[in-house]
Amino acid sequence: MEFWANLEHRLRYKKDLDSDILTQISEELTDCAETISDLDNRMQKIKDIIDN
């Protein structure tokens, strides 16, 4: 989470990036978040199987 927050902070506040690039990066970060969420759900299912 810290890496994610630092990256987003750098992209939004420390760089003067074109709005098209920010949109592209935002879409990529959204895709990453969805992938992470899917993986988290899968790992939780594995944990539930092990715990039962």
PDB file of N, CA and C in Angstrom:
ATOM      1  N   MET A   1       0.818  -1.194   0.000  1.00  0.00           N
ATOM      2  CA  MET A   1       0.000   0.000   0.000  1.00  0.00           C
ATOM      3  C   MET A   1       0.868   1.267   0.000  1.00  0.00           C
ATOM      4  N   GLU A   2       1.957   1.219   0.743  1.00  0.00           N
ATOM      5  CA  GLU A   2       2.829   2.396   0.791  1.00  0.00           C
ATOM      6  C   GLU A   2       3.416   2.690  -0.591  1.00  0.00           C
ATOM      7  N   PHE A   3       3.838   1.622  -1.288  1.00  0.00           N
ATOM      8  CA  PHE A   3       4.375   1.795  -2.641  1.00  0.00           C
ATOM      9  C   PHE A   3       3.330   2.450  -3.539  1.00  0.00           C
ATOM     10  N   TRP A   4       2.108   1.946  -3.453  1.00  0.00           N
ATOM     11  CA  TRP A   4       1.011   2.458  -4.276  1.00  0.00           C
ATOM     12  C   TRP A   4       0.789   3.941  -3.982  1.00  0.00           C
ATOM     13  N   ALA A   5       0.717   4.300  -2.707  1.00  0.00           N
ATOM     14  CA  ALA A   5       0.475   5.691  -2.321  1.00  0.00           C
ATOM     15  C   ALA A   5       1.618   6.598  -2.778  1.00  0.00           C
ATOM     16  N   ASN A   6       2.849   6.127  -2.618  1.00  0.00           N
ATOM     17  CA  ASN A   6       3.995   6.929  -3.053  1.00  0.00           C
ATOM     18  C   ASN A   6       3.989   7.146  -4.560  1.00  0.00           C
ATOM     19  N   LEU A   7       3.674   6.107  -5.301  1.00  0.00           N
ATOM     20  CA  LEU A   7       3.628   6.210  -6.755  1.00  0.00           C
ATOM     21  C   LEU A   7       2.548   7.190  -7.193  1.00  0.00           C
ATOM     22  N   GLU A   8       1.366   7.049  -6.616  1.00  0.00           N
ATOM     23  CA  GLU A   8       0.281   7.946  -6.992  1.00  0.00           C
ATOM     24  C   GLU A   8       0.617   9.397  -6.622  1.00  0.00           C
ATOM     25  N   HIS A   9       1.204   9.599  -5.465  1.00  0.00           N
ATOM     26  CA  HIS A   9       1.597  10.942  -5.048  1.00  0.00           C
ATOM     27  C   HIS A   9       2.595  11.546  -6.041  1.00  0.00           C
ATOM     28  N   ARG A  10       3.582  10.758  -6.422  1.00  0.00           N
ATOM     29  CA  ARG A  10       4.586  11.243  -7.378  1.00  0.00           C
ATOM     30  C   ARG A  10       3.949  11.594  -8.712  1.00  0.00           C
ATOM     31  N   LEU A  11       2.997  10.780  -9.149  1.00  0.00           N
ATOM     32  CA  LEU A  11       2.352  11.038 -10.435  1.00  0.00           C
ATOM     33  C   LEU A  11       1.473  12.277 -10.392  1.00  0.00           C
ATOM     34  N   ARG A  12       0.785  12.483  -9.293  1.00  0.00           N
ATOM     35  CA  ARG A  12      -0.190  13.571  -9.217  1.00  0.00           C
ATOM     36  C   ARG A  12       0.405  14.909  -8.809  1.00  0.00           C
ATOM     37  N   TYR A  13       1.398  14.890  -7.923  1.00  0.00           N
ATOM     38  CA  TYR A  13       1.831  16.148  -7.315  1.00  0.00           C
ATOM     39  C   TYR A  13       3.254  16.564  -7.637  1.00  0.00           C
ATOM     40  N   LYS A  14       4.078  15.656  -8.055  1.00  0.00           N
ATOM     41  CA  LYS A  14       5.473  16.016  -8.294  1.00  0.00           C
ATOM     42  C   LYS A  14       5.831  16.079  -9.771  1.00  0.00           C
ATOM     43  N   LYS A  15       4.939  15.730 -10.628  1.00  0.00           N
ATOM     44  CA  LYS A  15       5.203  15.749 -12.064  1.00  0.00           C
ATOM     45  C   LYS A  15       4.157  16.603 -12.764  1.00  0.00           C
ATOM     46  N   ASP A  16       4.581  17.284 -13.787  1.00  0.00           N
ATOM     47  CA  ASP A  16       3.658  18.054 -14.616  1.00  0.00           C
ATOM     48  C   ASP A  16       3.380  17.224 -15.864  1.00  0.00           C
ATOM     49  N   LEU A  17       2.531  16.223 -15.690  1.00  0.00           N
ATOM     50  CA  LEU A  17       2.257  15.303 -16.789  1.00  0.00           C
ATOM     51  C   LEU A  17       1.026  15.740 -17.575  1.00  0.00           C
ATOM     52  N   ASP A  18       1.050  15.444 -18.842  1.00  0.00           N
ATOM     53  CA  ASP A  18      -0.071  15.713 -19.731  1.00  0.00           C
ATOM     54  C   ASP A  18      -1.304  14.959 -19.237  1.00  0.00           C
ATOM     55  N   SER A  19      -2.474  15.555 -19.396  1.00  0.00           N
ATOM     56  CA  SER A  19      -3.707  14.924 -18.909  1.00  0.00           C
ATOM     57  C   SER A  19      -3.972  13.580 -19.586  1.00  0.00           C
ATOM     58  N   ASP A  20      -3.555  13.419 -20.852  1.00  0.00           N
ATOM     59  CA  ASP A  20      -3.729  12.131 -21.532  1.00  0.00           C
ATOM     60  C   ASP A  20      -2.874  11.047 -20.879  1.00  0.00           C
ATOM     61  N   ILE A  21      -1.669  11.404 -20.484  1.00  0.00           N
ATOM     62  CA  ILE A  21      -0.785  10.443 -19.815  1.00  0.00           C
ATOM     63  C   ILE A  21      -1.361  10.093 -18.447  1.00  0.00           C
ATOM     64  N   LEU A  22      -1.869  11.099 -17.721  1.00  0.00           N
ATOM     65  CA  LEU A  22      -2.484  10.830 -16.423  1.00  0.00           C
ATOM     66  C   LEU A  22      -3.690   9.912 -16.557  1.00  0.00           C
ATOM     67  N   THR A  23      -4.474  10.111 -17.605  1.00  0.00           N
ATOM     68  CA  THR A  23      -5.627   9.242 -17.846  1.00  0.00           C
ATOM     69  C   THR A  23      -5.167   7.824 -18.127  1.00  0.00           C
ATOM     70  N   GLN A  24      -4.154   7.671 -18.954  1.00  0.00           N
ATOM     71  CA  GLN A  24      -3.619   6.346 -19.280  1.00  0.00           C
ATOM     72  C   GLN A  24      -3.098   5.656 -18.019  1.00  0.00           C
ATOM     73  N   ILE A  25      -2.346   6.384 -17.215  1.00  0.00           N
ATOM     74  CA  ILE A  25      -1.794   5.806 -15.995  1.00  0.00           C
ATOM     75  C   ILE A  25      -2.912   5.465 -15.021  1.00  0.00           C
ATOM     76  N   SER A  26      -3.906   6.324 -14.916  1.00  0.00           N
ATOM     77  CA  SER A  26      -5.043   6.070 -14.035  1.00  0.00           C
ATOM     78  C   SER A  26      -5.763   4.784 -14.437  1.00  0.00           C
ATOM     79  N   GLU A  27      -5.948   4.594 -15.730  1.00  0.00           N
ATOM     80  CA  GLU A  27      -6.584   3.370 -16.221  1.00  0.00           C
ATOM     81  C   GLU A  27      -5.733   2.144 -15.896  1.00  0.00           C
ATOM     82  N   GLU A  28      -4.432   2.278 -16.034  1.00  0.00           N
ATOM     83  CA  GLU A  28      -3.523   1.165 -15.726  1.00  0.00           C
ATOM     84  C   GLU A  28      -3.566   0.846 -14.232  1.00  0.00           C
ATOM     85  N   LEU A  29      -3.573   1.883 -13.393  1.00  0.00           N
ATOM     86  CA  LEU A  29      -3.661   1.658 -11.953  1.00  0.00           C
ATOM     87  C   LEU A  29      -4.990   1.010 -11.569  1.00  0.00           C
ATOM     88  N   THR A  30      -6.063   1.408 -12.235  1.00  0.00           N
ATOM     89  CA  THR A  30      -7.366   0.774 -11.989  1.00  0.00           C
ATOM     90  C   THR A  30      -7.321  -0.700 -12.346  1.00  0.00           C
ATOM     91  N   ASP A  31      -6.707  -1.014 -13.472  1.00  0.00           N
ATOM     92  CA  ASP A  31      -6.545  -2.416 -13.881  1.00  0.00           C
ATOM     93  C   ASP A  31      -5.720  -3.190 -12.855  1.00  0.00           C
ATOM     94  N   CYS A  32      -4.644  -2.582 -12.382  1.00  0.00           N
ATOM     95  CA  CYS A  32      -3.814  -3.220 -11.351  1.00  0.00           C
ATOM     96  C   CYS A  32      -4.624  -3.467 -10.080  1.00  0.00           C
ATOM     97  N   ALA A  33      -5.429  -2.490  -9.685  1.00  0.00           N
ATOM     98  CA  ALA A  33      -6.247  -2.630  -8.482  1.00  0.00           C
ATOM     99  C   ALA A  33      -7.238  -3.791  -8.626  1.00  0.00           C
ATOM    100  N   GLU A  34      -7.823  -3.923  -9.802  1.00  0.00           N
ATOM    101  CA  GLU A  34      -8.755  -5.032 -10.042  1.00  0.00           C
ATOM    102  C   GLU A  34      -8.028  -6.375  -9.982  1.00  0.00           C
ATOM    103  N   THR A  35      -6.835  -6.435 -10.540  1.00  0.00           N
ATOM    104  CA  THR A  35      -6.036  -7.659 -10.498  1.00  0.00           C
ATOM    105  C   THR A  35      -5.672  -8.019  -9.062  1.00  0.00           C
ATOM    106  N   ILE A  36      -5.251  -7.019  -8.302  1.00  0.00           N
ATOM    107  CA  ILE A  36      -4.891  -7.243  -6.899  1.00  0.00           C
ATOM    108  C   ILE A  36      -6.104  -7.722  -6.111  1.00  0.00           C
ATOM    109  N   SER A  37      -7.251  -7.118  -6.347  1.00  0.00           N
ATOM    110  CA  SER A  37      -8.468  -7.512  -5.653  1.00  0.00           C
ATOM    111  C   SER A  37      -8.838  -8.959  -5.975  1.00  0.00           C
ATOM    112  N   ASP A  38      -8.723  -9.336  -7.235  1.00  0.00           N
ATOM    113  CA  ASP A  38      -9.008 -10.709  -7.645  1.00  0.00           C
ATOM    114  C   ASP A  38      -8.059 -11.679  -6.946  1.00  0.00           C
ATOM    115  N   LEU A  39      -6.791 -11.350  -6.924  1.00  0.00           N
ATOM    116  CA  LEU A  39      -5.801 -12.199  -6.267  1.00  0.00           C
ATOM    117  C   LEU A  39      -6.090 -12.308  -4.770  1.00  0.00           C
ATOM    118  N   ASP A  40      -6.439 -11.197  -4.150  1.00  0.00           N
ATOM    119  CA  ASP A  40      -6.766 -11.204  -2.727  1.00  0.00           C
ATOM    120  C   ASP A  40      -7.953 -12.130  -2.449  1.00  0.00           C
ATOM    121  N   ASN A  41      -8.973 -12.062  -3.288  1.00  0.00           N
ATOM    122  CA  ASN A  41     -10.136 -12.944  -3.133  1.00  0.00           C
ATOM    123  C   ASN A  41      -9.751 -14.411  -3.300  1.00  0.00           C
ATOM    124  N   ARG A  42      -8.903 -14.690  -4.263  1.00  0.00           N
ATOM    125  CA  ARG A  42      -8.456 -16.068  -4.485  1.00  0.00           C
ATOM    126  C   ARG A  42      -7.655 -16.587  -3.299  1.00  0.00           C
ATOM    127  N   MET A  43      -6.764 -15.739  -2.774  1.00  0.00           N
ATOM    128  CA  MET A  43      -5.972 -16.144  -1.617  1.00  0.00           C
ATOM    129  C   MET A  43      -6.859 -16.372  -0.391  1.00  0.00           C
ATOM    130  N   GLN A  44      -7.892 -15.551  -0.234  1.00  0.00           N
ATOM    131  CA  GLN A  44      -8.820 -15.732   0.882  1.00  0.00           C
ATOM    132  C   GLN A  44      -9.550 -17.066   0.770  1.00  0.00           C
ATOM    133  N   LYS A  45      -9.948 -17.443  -0.446  1.00  0.00           N
ATOM    134  CA  LYS A  45     -10.613 -18.734  -0.650  1.00  0.00           C
ATOM    135  C   LYS A  45      -9.693 -19.884  -0.270  1.00  0.00           C
ATOM    136  N   ILE A  46      -8.433 -19.769  -0.635  1.00  0.00           N
ATOM    137  CA  ILE A  46      -7.455 -20.811  -0.266  1.00  0.00           C
ATOM    138  C   ILE A  46      -7.327 -20.883   1.251  1.00  0.00           C
ATOM    139  N   LYS A  47      -7.237 -19.741   1.891  1.00  0.00           N
ATOM    140  CA  LYS A  47      -7.135 -19.723   3.359  1.00  0.00           C
ATOM    141  C   LYS A  47      -8.367 -20.358   3.985  1.00  0.00           C
ATOM    142  N   ASP A  48      -9.562 -20.041   3.449  1.00  0.00           N
ATOM    143  CA  ASP A  48     -10.789 -20.608   3.978  1.00  0.00           C
ATOM    144  C   ASP A  48     -10.809 -22.136   3.854  1.00  0.00           C
ATOM    145  N   ILE A  49     -10.304 -22.636   2.723  1.00  0.00           N
ATOM    146  CA  ILE A  49     -10.245 -24.092   2.519  1.00  0.00           C
ATOM    147  C   ILE A  49      -9.302 -24.717   3.547  1.00  0.00           C
ATOM    148  N   ILE A  50      -8.155 -24.095   3.766  1.00  0.00           N
ATOM    149  CA  ILE A  50      -7.170 -24.622   4.710  1.00  0.00           C
ATOM    150  C   ILE A  50      -7.726 -24.589   6.143  1.00  0.00           C
ATOM    151  N   ASP A  51      -8.425 -23.503   6.492  1.00  0.00           N
ATOM    152  CA  ASP A  51      -8.950 -23.346   7.841  1.00  0.00           C
ATOM    153  C   ASP A  51     -10.119 -24.287   8.144  1.00  0.00           C
ATOM    154  N   ASN A  52     -10.787 -24.744   7.112  1.00  0.00           N
ATOM    155  CA  ASN A  52     -11.918 -25.657   7.331  1.00  0.00           C
ATOM    156  C   ASN A  52     -11.410 -27.035   7.252  1.00  0.00           C
TER     157      ASN A  52
END
